[in-house]
Amino acid sequence: LHIVALVVTVGLTWMVVGILLGVPGSGFPRIQEFFNHSGSSVTAEPRTRKYTCGLPQPCPEEHLAFPMFSRAANVFEPKICLEDRMLMSSVKDNVGPGLNITLVNGVSLELIETGASNTWAGDVNDVLKFIHPLHEGTLVFVASCNDPVTKMNEETRKLFSG
């Protein structure tokens, strides 16, 4: 009989200590809420509203949302988003070192093509081959990764400088 009383006492002590310390999965959840309730009502933090492509504010009417992120110090990978569609990112596995270029139909906003050109170790003329067959009305989005300009020739520099 002493052993049963000892086991019951240890079991109840274990439950009460678990409830008071807030150990998940121990005791009864309603009792834990009672002990954890401080008496003041908890107000939830207002959630920040996210707009198209995760922007902090909406775009004006008749405007497009297209945040682009270039790689910074091997921390952030290049990303290109257009109207809530991620066009280029490391998750889509379509980015690389150098210039990351996305071509989009300017009327329908349909993706035409994406490409990454390694302008550091590769041939800078690949950028020209990729961009030259453009049609009027094509939107060109470019995000860089590492050093994209060291090996650029005069024609490529002129193309990107306007």
N, C-alpha and C. Protein backbone atom coordinates (compact mmCIF):
# COMPACT_ATOMS: atom_id res chain seq x y z
N LEU A 1 0.82 -1.19 0.00
CA LEU A 1 0.00 0.00 0.00
C LEU A 1 0.87 1.27 0.00
N HIS A 2 1.98 1.21 0.71
CA HIS A 2 2.89 2.36 0.73
C HIS A 2 3.49 2.61 -0.65
N ILE A 3 3.75 1.54 -1.38
CA ILE A 3 4.34 1.67 -2.72
C ILE A 3 3.34 2.32 -3.67
N VAL A 4 2.06 1.94 -3.60
CA VAL A 4 1.03 2.53 -4.45
C VAL A 4 0.89 4.02 -4.15
N ALA A 5 0.88 4.38 -2.87
CA ALA A 5 0.77 5.79 -2.49
C ALA A 5 1.98 6.57 -3.00
N LEU A 6 3.16 5.98 -2.92
CA LEU A 6 4.38 6.63 -3.40
C LEU A 6 4.32 6.84 -4.91
N VAL A 7 3.87 5.83 -5.68
CA VAL A 7 3.77 5.94 -7.14
C VAL A 7 2.75 7.01 -7.52
N VAL A 8 1.60 7.04 -6.85
CA VAL A 8 0.57 8.04 -7.15
C VAL A 8 1.10 9.44 -6.83
N THR A 9 1.77 9.60 -5.70
CA THR A 9 2.32 10.90 -5.32
C THR A 9 3.37 11.37 -6.33
N VAL A 10 4.27 10.49 -6.74
CA VAL A 10 5.29 10.85 -7.72
C VAL A 10 4.63 11.21 -9.06
N GLY A 11 3.62 10.44 -9.47
CA GLY A 11 2.93 10.71 -10.73
C GLY A 11 2.23 12.06 -10.73
N LEU A 12 1.50 12.36 -9.65
CA LEU A 12 0.82 13.65 -9.55
C LEU A 12 1.82 14.81 -9.48
N THR A 13 2.90 14.62 -8.74
CA THR A 13 3.94 15.65 -8.67
C THR A 13 4.53 15.90 -10.05
N TRP A 14 4.79 14.83 -10.77
CA TRP A 14 5.34 14.94 -12.14
C TRP A 14 4.40 15.76 -13.03
N MET A 15 3.07 15.47 -12.96
CA MET A 15 2.10 16.20 -13.78
C MET A 15 2.03 17.67 -13.40
N VAL A 16 2.00 17.98 -12.11
CA VAL A 16 1.89 19.37 -11.66
C VAL A 16 3.13 20.16 -12.06
N VAL A 17 4.30 19.57 -11.88
CA VAL A 17 5.54 20.26 -12.26
C VAL A 17 5.56 20.48 -13.77
N GLY A 18 5.13 19.49 -14.55
CA GLY A 18 5.07 19.64 -16.01
C GLY A 18 4.12 20.74 -16.43
N ILE A 19 2.98 20.83 -15.75
CA ILE A 19 2.01 21.88 -16.07
C ILE A 19 2.57 23.25 -15.72
N LEU A 20 3.15 23.38 -14.53
CA LEU A 20 3.66 24.68 -14.10
C LEU A 20 4.85 25.14 -14.93
N LEU A 21 5.68 24.22 -15.37
CA LEU A 21 6.83 24.59 -16.19
C LEU A 21 6.48 24.72 -17.67
N GLY A 22 5.27 24.29 -18.02
CA GLY A 22 4.82 24.44 -19.40
C GLY A 22 5.48 23.47 -20.36
N VAL A 23 5.83 22.30 -19.89
CA VAL A 23 6.43 21.29 -20.76
C VAL A 23 5.36 20.80 -21.72
N PRO A 24 5.59 20.89 -23.05
CA PRO A 24 4.56 20.47 -24.00
C PRO A 24 4.29 18.98 -23.89
N GLY A 25 3.03 18.63 -24.01
CA GLY A 25 2.64 17.22 -24.00
C GLY A 25 2.46 16.66 -22.60
N SER A 26 2.67 17.45 -21.57
CA SER A 26 2.51 16.94 -20.22
C SER A 26 1.27 17.57 -19.60
N GLY A 27 0.59 16.82 -18.80
CA GLY A 27 -0.57 17.35 -18.10
C GLY A 27 -1.75 17.57 -19.03
N PHE A 28 -2.61 18.44 -18.62
CA PHE A 28 -3.82 18.73 -19.36
C PHE A 28 -3.72 20.13 -19.96
N PRO A 29 -4.01 20.29 -21.25
CA PRO A 29 -3.84 21.60 -21.89
C PRO A 29 -4.68 22.70 -21.27
N ARG A 30 -5.90 22.40 -20.85
CA ARG A 30 -6.76 23.43 -20.25
C ARG A 30 -6.17 23.94 -18.93
N ILE A 31 -5.60 23.03 -18.16
CA ILE A 31 -4.99 23.44 -16.89
C ILE A 31 -3.76 24.29 -17.18
N GLN A 32 -2.98 23.92 -18.22
CA GLN A 32 -1.81 24.71 -18.58
C GLN A 32 -2.24 26.12 -18.99
N GLU A 33 -3.33 26.24 -19.74
CA GLU A 33 -3.81 27.57 -20.14
C GLU A 33 -4.17 28.40 -18.91
N PHE A 34 -4.80 27.74 -17.94
CA PHE A 34 -5.19 28.45 -16.72
C PHE A 34 -3.97 29.00 -15.98
N PHE A 35 -2.92 28.17 -15.84
CA PHE A 35 -1.72 28.61 -15.13
C PHE A 35 -0.91 29.62 -15.94
N ASN A 36 -0.93 29.50 -17.24
CA ASN A 36 -0.14 30.40 -18.08
C ASN A 36 -0.85 31.73 -18.35
N HIS A 37 -2.16 31.80 -18.11
CA HIS A 37 -2.92 33.02 -18.37
C HIS A 37 -2.53 34.07 -17.34
N SER A 38 -2.08 35.22 -17.81
CA SER A 38 -1.59 36.26 -16.90
C SER A 38 -2.70 37.18 -16.41
N GLY A 39 -3.91 36.98 -16.88
CA GLY A 39 -5.01 37.83 -16.45
C GLY A 39 -5.28 38.97 -17.41
N SER A 40 -4.32 39.36 -18.20
CA SER A 40 -4.54 40.42 -19.17
C SER A 40 -4.78 39.79 -20.53
N SER A 41 -5.63 40.42 -21.29
CA SER A 41 -5.91 39.86 -22.61
C SER A 41 -4.73 40.15 -23.54
N VAL A 42 -4.37 39.18 -24.30
CA VAL A 42 -3.24 39.31 -25.22
C VAL A 42 -3.77 39.75 -26.56
N THR A 43 -3.25 40.86 -27.06
CA THR A 43 -3.66 41.32 -28.38
C THR A 43 -2.61 40.89 -29.38
N ALA A 44 -3.07 40.37 -30.47
CA ALA A 44 -2.16 39.90 -31.51
C ALA A 44 -1.54 41.08 -32.23
N GLU A 45 -0.28 40.92 -32.61
CA GLU A 45 0.39 41.94 -33.40
C GLU A 45 -0.30 42.03 -34.76
N PRO A 46 -0.50 43.22 -35.27
CA PRO A 46 -1.10 43.30 -36.60
C PRO A 46 -0.12 42.73 -37.62
N ARG A 47 -0.63 41.86 -38.46
CA ARG A 47 0.22 41.23 -39.47
C ARG A 47 0.47 42.21 -40.60
N THR A 48 1.72 42.28 -41.03
CA THR A 48 2.03 43.15 -42.15
C THR A 48 1.47 42.53 -43.41
N ARG A 49 0.76 43.32 -44.14
CA ARG A 49 0.13 42.82 -45.35
C ARG A 49 1.15 42.76 -46.47
N LYS A 50 1.15 41.67 -47.19
CA LYS A 50 2.06 41.52 -48.32
C LYS A 50 1.26 41.69 -49.60
N TYR A 51 1.85 42.42 -50.52
CA TYR A 51 1.19 42.65 -51.79
C TYR A 51 1.89 41.82 -52.87
N THR A 52 1.61 42.10 -54.10
CA THR A 52 2.14 41.35 -55.22
C THR A 52 3.66 41.19 -55.10
N CYS A 53 4.14 39.98 -55.30
CA CYS A 53 5.57 39.64 -55.22
C CYS A 53 6.17 39.96 -53.85
N GLY A 54 5.35 40.02 -52.81
CA GLY A 54 5.85 40.26 -51.47
C GLY A 54 6.21 41.70 -51.18
N LEU A 55 5.77 42.62 -52.02
CA LEU A 55 6.08 44.03 -51.82
C LEU A 55 5.33 44.57 -50.60
N PRO A 56 5.90 45.56 -49.90
CA PRO A 56 5.25 46.08 -48.69
C PRO A 56 4.08 47.01 -48.97
N GLN A 57 3.91 47.47 -50.20
CA GLN A 57 2.78 48.33 -50.54
C GLN A 57 2.32 48.01 -51.96
N PRO A 58 1.07 48.30 -52.26
CA PRO A 58 0.55 47.95 -53.59
C PRO A 58 1.11 48.85 -54.68
N CYS A 59 1.17 48.31 -55.87
CA CYS A 59 1.56 49.12 -57.03
C CYS A 59 0.36 49.93 -57.50
N PRO A 60 0.59 51.11 -58.04
CA PRO A 60 -0.52 51.88 -58.60
C PRO A 60 -1.17 51.12 -59.76
N GLU A 61 -2.40 51.48 -60.06
CA GLU A 61 -3.08 50.84 -61.20
C GLU A 61 -2.29 51.07 -62.47
N GLU A 62 -2.38 50.12 -63.38
CA GLU A 62 -1.69 50.19 -64.67
C GLU A 62 -0.16 50.11 -64.52
N HIS A 63 0.33 49.59 -63.40
CA HIS A 63 1.75 49.39 -63.18
C HIS A 63 1.99 47.91 -62.88
N LEU A 64 3.21 47.45 -63.14
CA LEU A 64 3.58 46.06 -62.89
C LEU A 64 4.47 45.97 -61.65
N ALA A 65 4.29 44.90 -60.90
CA ALA A 65 5.19 44.62 -59.78
C ALA A 65 6.26 43.67 -60.29
N PHE A 66 7.53 44.10 -60.21
CA PHE A 66 8.61 43.23 -60.65
C PHE A 66 9.87 43.44 -59.82
N PRO A 67 9.84 43.04 -58.56
CA PRO A 67 11.07 43.16 -57.77
C PRO A 67 12.14 42.21 -58.29
N MET A 68 13.36 42.71 -58.33
CA MET A 68 14.50 41.92 -58.78
C MET A 68 15.59 42.03 -57.72
N PHE A 69 16.24 40.93 -57.44
CA PHE A 69 17.29 40.91 -56.44
C PHE A 69 18.54 40.31 -57.06
N SER A 70 19.64 41.03 -56.98
CA SER A 70 20.92 40.52 -57.44
C SER A 70 21.63 39.87 -56.27
N ARG A 71 22.60 39.04 -56.59
CA ARG A 71 23.32 38.33 -55.54
C ARG A 71 24.19 39.32 -54.78
N ALA A 72 24.21 39.16 -53.45
CA ALA A 72 25.01 40.05 -52.62
C ALA A 72 25.88 39.23 -51.67
N ALA A 73 27.17 39.28 -51.87
CA ALA A 73 28.15 38.68 -50.96
C ALA A 73 27.89 37.21 -50.68
N ASN A 74 27.53 36.45 -51.68
CA ASN A 74 27.26 35.02 -51.55
C ASN A 74 26.15 34.71 -50.54
N VAL A 75 25.31 35.68 -50.25
CA VAL A 75 24.24 35.47 -49.29
C VAL A 75 22.90 35.33 -49.99
N PHE A 76 22.56 36.29 -50.82
CA PHE A 76 21.28 36.28 -51.50
C PHE A 76 21.47 35.86 -52.95
N GLU A 77 20.66 34.93 -53.40
CA GLU A 77 20.72 34.51 -54.79
C GLU A 77 19.88 35.47 -55.63
N PRO A 78 20.19 35.60 -56.91
CA PRO A 78 19.38 36.47 -57.76
C PRO A 78 17.96 35.93 -57.89
N LYS A 79 17.00 36.84 -57.88
CA LYS A 79 15.58 36.47 -58.04
C LYS A 79 14.92 37.52 -58.92
N ILE A 80 13.99 37.06 -59.74
CA ILE A 80 13.18 37.96 -60.55
C ILE A 80 11.73 37.50 -60.42
N CYS A 81 10.86 38.41 -59.96
CA CYS A 81 9.45 38.10 -59.78
C CYS A 81 8.65 39.09 -60.62
N LEU A 82 7.59 38.62 -61.25
CA LEU A 82 6.72 39.48 -62.04
C LEU A 82 5.28 39.14 -61.72
N GLU A 83 4.57 40.09 -61.12
CA GLU A 83 3.14 39.92 -60.82
C GLU A 83 2.86 38.59 -60.11
N ASP A 84 3.55 38.35 -59.01
CA ASP A 84 3.39 37.15 -58.18
C ASP A 84 3.84 35.85 -58.83
N ARG A 85 4.61 35.92 -59.90
CA ARG A 85 5.19 34.71 -60.50
C ARG A 85 6.70 34.81 -60.39
N MET A 86 7.31 33.87 -59.69
CA MET A 86 8.76 33.85 -59.58
C MET A 86 9.30 33.31 -60.90
N LEU A 87 10.00 34.17 -61.64
CA LEU A 87 10.52 33.78 -62.96
C LEU A 87 11.90 33.16 -62.86
N MET A 88 12.74 33.69 -61.98
CA MET A 88 14.10 33.17 -61.80
C MET A 88 14.42 33.13 -60.31
N SER A 89 14.99 32.01 -59.87
CA SER A 89 15.44 31.89 -58.48
C SER A 89 16.26 30.62 -58.35
N SER A 90 16.97 30.51 -57.25
CA SER A 90 17.73 29.29 -57.01
C SER A 90 16.80 28.11 -56.78
N VAL A 91 15.60 28.36 -56.28
CA VAL A 91 14.62 27.28 -56.09
C VAL A 91 14.20 26.70 -57.45
N LYS A 92 14.02 27.56 -58.44
CA LYS A 92 13.66 27.10 -59.78
C LYS A 92 14.88 26.56 -60.53
N ASP A 93 16.07 26.72 -59.93
CA ASP A 93 17.33 26.22 -60.49
C ASP A 93 17.59 26.78 -61.89
N ASN A 94 17.32 28.07 -62.07
CA ASN A 94 17.59 28.68 -63.38
C ASN A 94 18.41 29.96 -63.25
N VAL A 95 19.24 30.04 -62.20
CA VAL A 95 20.14 31.18 -62.04
C VAL A 95 21.58 30.67 -61.99
N GLY A 96 22.50 31.56 -62.28
CA GLY A 96 23.91 31.19 -62.26
C GLY A 96 24.77 32.42 -62.09
N PRO A 97 26.08 32.23 -62.11
CA PRO A 97 26.97 33.39 -61.98
C PRO A 97 26.91 34.26 -63.22
N GLY A 98 27.19 35.54 -63.05
CA GLY A 98 27.16 36.47 -64.18
C GLY A 98 25.82 37.15 -64.30
N LEU A 99 25.30 37.19 -65.52
CA LEU A 99 24.02 37.86 -65.78
C LEU A 99 22.91 36.83 -65.91
N ASN A 100 21.81 37.06 -65.20
CA ASN A 100 20.63 36.21 -65.27
C ASN A 100 19.55 37.03 -65.96
N ILE A 101 19.13 36.55 -67.12
CA ILE A 101 18.25 37.34 -67.99
C ILE A 101 16.93 36.61 -68.19
N THR A 102 15.84 37.36 -68.08
CA THR A 102 14.50 36.83 -68.31
C THR A 102 13.84 37.66 -69.40
N LEU A 103 13.28 36.99 -70.38
CA LEU A 103 12.55 37.66 -71.47
C LEU A 103 11.07 37.37 -71.29
N VAL A 104 10.25 38.43 -71.32
CA VAL A 104 8.81 38.30 -71.09
C VAL A 104 8.07 39.05 -72.19
N ASN A 105 6.98 38.46 -72.68
CA ASN A 105 6.12 39.14 -73.65
C ASN A 105 5.49 40.34 -72.96
N GLY A 106 5.70 41.53 -73.50
CA GLY A 106 5.22 42.75 -72.87
C GLY A 106 3.72 42.94 -72.91
N VAL A 107 3.02 42.20 -73.75
CA VAL A 107 1.56 42.33 -73.85
C VAL A 107 0.86 41.31 -72.96
N SER A 108 1.22 40.03 -73.13
CA SER A 108 0.55 38.96 -72.38
C SER A 108 1.23 38.64 -71.05
N LEU A 109 2.43 39.17 -70.83
CA LEU A 109 3.25 38.89 -69.64
C LEU A 109 3.63 37.42 -69.51
N GLU A 110 3.58 36.71 -70.62
CA GLU A 110 4.00 35.31 -70.62
C GLU A 110 5.52 35.23 -70.70
N LEU A 111 6.08 34.28 -69.97
CA LEU A 111 7.52 34.07 -69.98
C LEU A 111 7.95 33.53 -71.34
N ILE A 112 8.92 34.17 -71.95
CA ILE A 112 9.44 33.70 -73.24
C ILE A 112 10.62 32.77 -72.99
N GLU A 113 11.60 33.27 -72.22
CA GLU A 113 12.80 32.47 -72.00
C GLU A 113 13.61 33.04 -70.84
N THR A 114 14.34 32.16 -70.15
CA THR A 114 15.28 32.60 -69.13
C THR A 114 16.65 32.04 -69.48
N GLY A 115 17.67 32.74 -69.06
CA GLY A 115 19.02 32.27 -69.32
C GLY A 115 20.01 32.93 -68.38
N ALA A 116 21.06 32.18 -68.06
CA ALA A 116 22.14 32.71 -67.24
C ALA A 116 23.42 32.64 -68.05
N SER A 117 24.14 33.73 -68.09
CA SER A 117 25.38 33.79 -68.85
C SER A 117 26.53 34.11 -67.91
N ASN A 118 27.46 33.19 -67.79
CA ASN A 118 28.61 33.38 -66.92
C ASN A 118 29.57 34.35 -67.57
N THR A 119 29.46 35.61 -67.23
CA THR A 119 30.29 36.64 -67.85
C THR A 119 31.67 36.72 -67.21
N TRP A 120 31.94 35.93 -66.20
CA TRP A 120 33.27 35.91 -65.59
C TRP A 120 34.12 34.80 -66.20
N ALA A 121 33.62 33.57 -66.18
CA ALA A 121 34.41 32.45 -66.69
C ALA A 121 34.00 32.05 -68.10
N GLY A 122 32.82 32.50 -68.54
CA GLY A 122 32.32 32.11 -69.85
C GLY A 122 32.59 33.16 -70.91
N ASP A 123 31.87 33.04 -72.00
CA ASP A 123 32.02 33.96 -73.13
C ASP A 123 30.94 35.03 -73.05
N VAL A 124 31.34 36.28 -73.02
CA VAL A 124 30.38 37.39 -72.92
C VAL A 124 29.52 37.48 -74.17
N ASN A 125 29.97 36.93 -75.27
CA ASN A 125 29.18 36.95 -76.51
C ASN A 125 27.90 36.12 -76.38
N ASP A 126 27.85 35.21 -75.40
CA ASP A 126 26.63 34.44 -75.16
C ASP A 126 25.48 35.37 -74.78
N VAL A 127 25.79 36.45 -74.07
CA VAL A 127 24.76 37.43 -73.70
C VAL A 127 24.20 38.07 -74.96
N LEU A 128 25.07 38.44 -75.88
CA LEU A 128 24.62 39.06 -77.13
C LEU A 128 23.78 38.10 -77.95
N LYS A 129 24.18 36.84 -78.03
CA LYS A 129 23.41 35.84 -78.77
C LYS A 129 22.03 35.64 -78.16
N PHE A 130 21.94 35.75 -76.84
CA PHE A 130 20.67 35.54 -76.15
C PHE A 130 19.74 36.73 -76.35
N ILE A 131 20.28 37.94 -76.33
CA ILE A 131 19.45 39.15 -76.37
C ILE A 131 19.15 39.65 -77.78
N HIS A 132 20.03 39.45 -78.74
CA HIS A 132 19.85 40.07 -80.06
C HIS A 132 18.59 39.66 -80.81
N PRO A 133 18.08 38.45 -80.70
CA PRO A 133 16.85 38.16 -81.46
C PRO A 133 15.58 38.70 -80.81
N LEU A 134 15.68 39.77 -80.03
CA LEU A 134 14.50 40.33 -79.36
C LEU A 134 13.52 40.93 -80.35
N HIS A 135 12.25 40.84 -79.97
CA HIS A 135 11.19 41.47 -80.76
C HIS A 135 10.71 42.70 -80.02
N GLU A 136 10.12 43.63 -80.73
CA GLU A 136 9.58 44.83 -80.10
C GLU A 136 8.51 44.42 -79.10
N GLY A 137 8.51 45.05 -77.95
CA GLY A 137 7.52 44.75 -76.92
C GLY A 137 7.98 43.69 -75.93
N THR A 138 9.19 43.19 -76.08
CA THR A 138 9.70 42.19 -75.14
C THR A 138 10.29 42.91 -73.93
N LEU A 139 9.89 42.47 -72.75
CA LEU A 139 10.45 43.01 -71.51
C LEU A 139 11.69 42.20 -71.15
N VAL A 140 12.77 42.88 -70.81
CA VAL A 140 14.03 42.22 -70.46
C VAL A 140 14.34 42.54 -69.00
N PHE A 141 14.44 41.51 -68.17
CA PHE A 141 14.78 41.66 -66.76
C PHE A 141 16.15 41.03 -66.54
N VAL A 142 17.03 41.75 -65.85
CA VAL A 142 18.40 41.26 -65.64
C VAL A 142 18.76 41.39 -64.16
N ALA A 143 19.24 40.30 -63.58
CA ALA A 143 19.77 40.30 -62.21
C ALA A 143 21.18 39.74 -62.27
N SER A 144 22.08 40.36 -61.54
CA SER A 144 23.48 39.91 -61.59
C SER A 144 23.81 39.00 -60.42
N CYS A 145 24.86 38.24 -60.63
CA CYS A 145 25.35 37.32 -59.60
C CYS A 145 26.87 37.36 -59.69
N ASN A 146 27.52 37.74 -58.62
CA ASN A 146 28.98 37.94 -58.61
C ASN A 146 29.34 39.13 -59.49
N ASP A 147 30.47 39.09 -60.15
CA ASP A 147 30.93 40.22 -60.97
C ASP A 147 30.49 40.01 -62.41
N PRO A 148 29.49 40.74 -62.89
CA PRO A 148 29.01 40.50 -64.25
C PRO A 148 29.70 41.34 -65.32
N VAL A 149 30.52 42.32 -64.95
CA VAL A 149 30.98 43.28 -65.96
C VAL A 149 32.46 43.23 -66.31
N THR A 150 33.25 42.47 -65.60
CA THR A 150 34.70 42.51 -65.82
C THR A 150 35.08 42.19 -67.25
N LYS A 151 34.48 41.18 -67.83
CA LYS A 151 34.86 40.76 -69.18
C LYS A 151 33.91 41.28 -70.26
N MET A 152 33.03 42.21 -69.92
CA MET A 152 32.12 42.74 -70.94
C MET A 152 32.90 43.52 -71.99
N ASN A 153 32.53 43.31 -73.24
CA ASN A 153 33.14 44.11 -74.31
C ASN A 153 32.32 45.38 -74.52
N GLU A 154 32.77 46.22 -75.42
CA GLU A 154 32.13 47.52 -75.63
C GLU A 154 30.68 47.37 -76.10
N GLU A 155 30.42 46.40 -76.97
CA GLU A 155 29.06 46.20 -77.49
C GLU A 155 28.10 45.80 -76.37
N THR A 156 28.55 44.91 -75.49
CA THR A 156 27.70 44.47 -74.38
C THR A 156 27.46 45.61 -73.40
N ARG A 157 28.49 46.37 -73.11
CA ARG A 157 28.33 47.51 -72.20
C ARG A 157 27.34 48.53 -72.76
N LYS A 158 27.43 48.79 -74.06
CA LYS A 158 26.53 49.75 -74.71
C LYS A 158 25.08 49.23 -74.65
N LEU A 159 24.91 47.93 -74.82
CA LEU A 159 23.58 47.33 -74.79
C LEU A 159 22.90 47.56 -73.44
N PHE A 160 23.67 47.45 -72.35
CA PHE A 160 23.08 47.59 -71.02
C PHE A 160 23.08 49.03 -70.51
N SER A 161 23.84 49.91 -71.11
CA SER A 161 23.86 51.29 -70.63
C SER A 161 22.84 52.17 -71.34
N GLY A 162 22.22 51.65 -72.38
CA GLY A 162 21.15 52.39 -73.04
C GLY A 162 21.67 53.19 -74.15
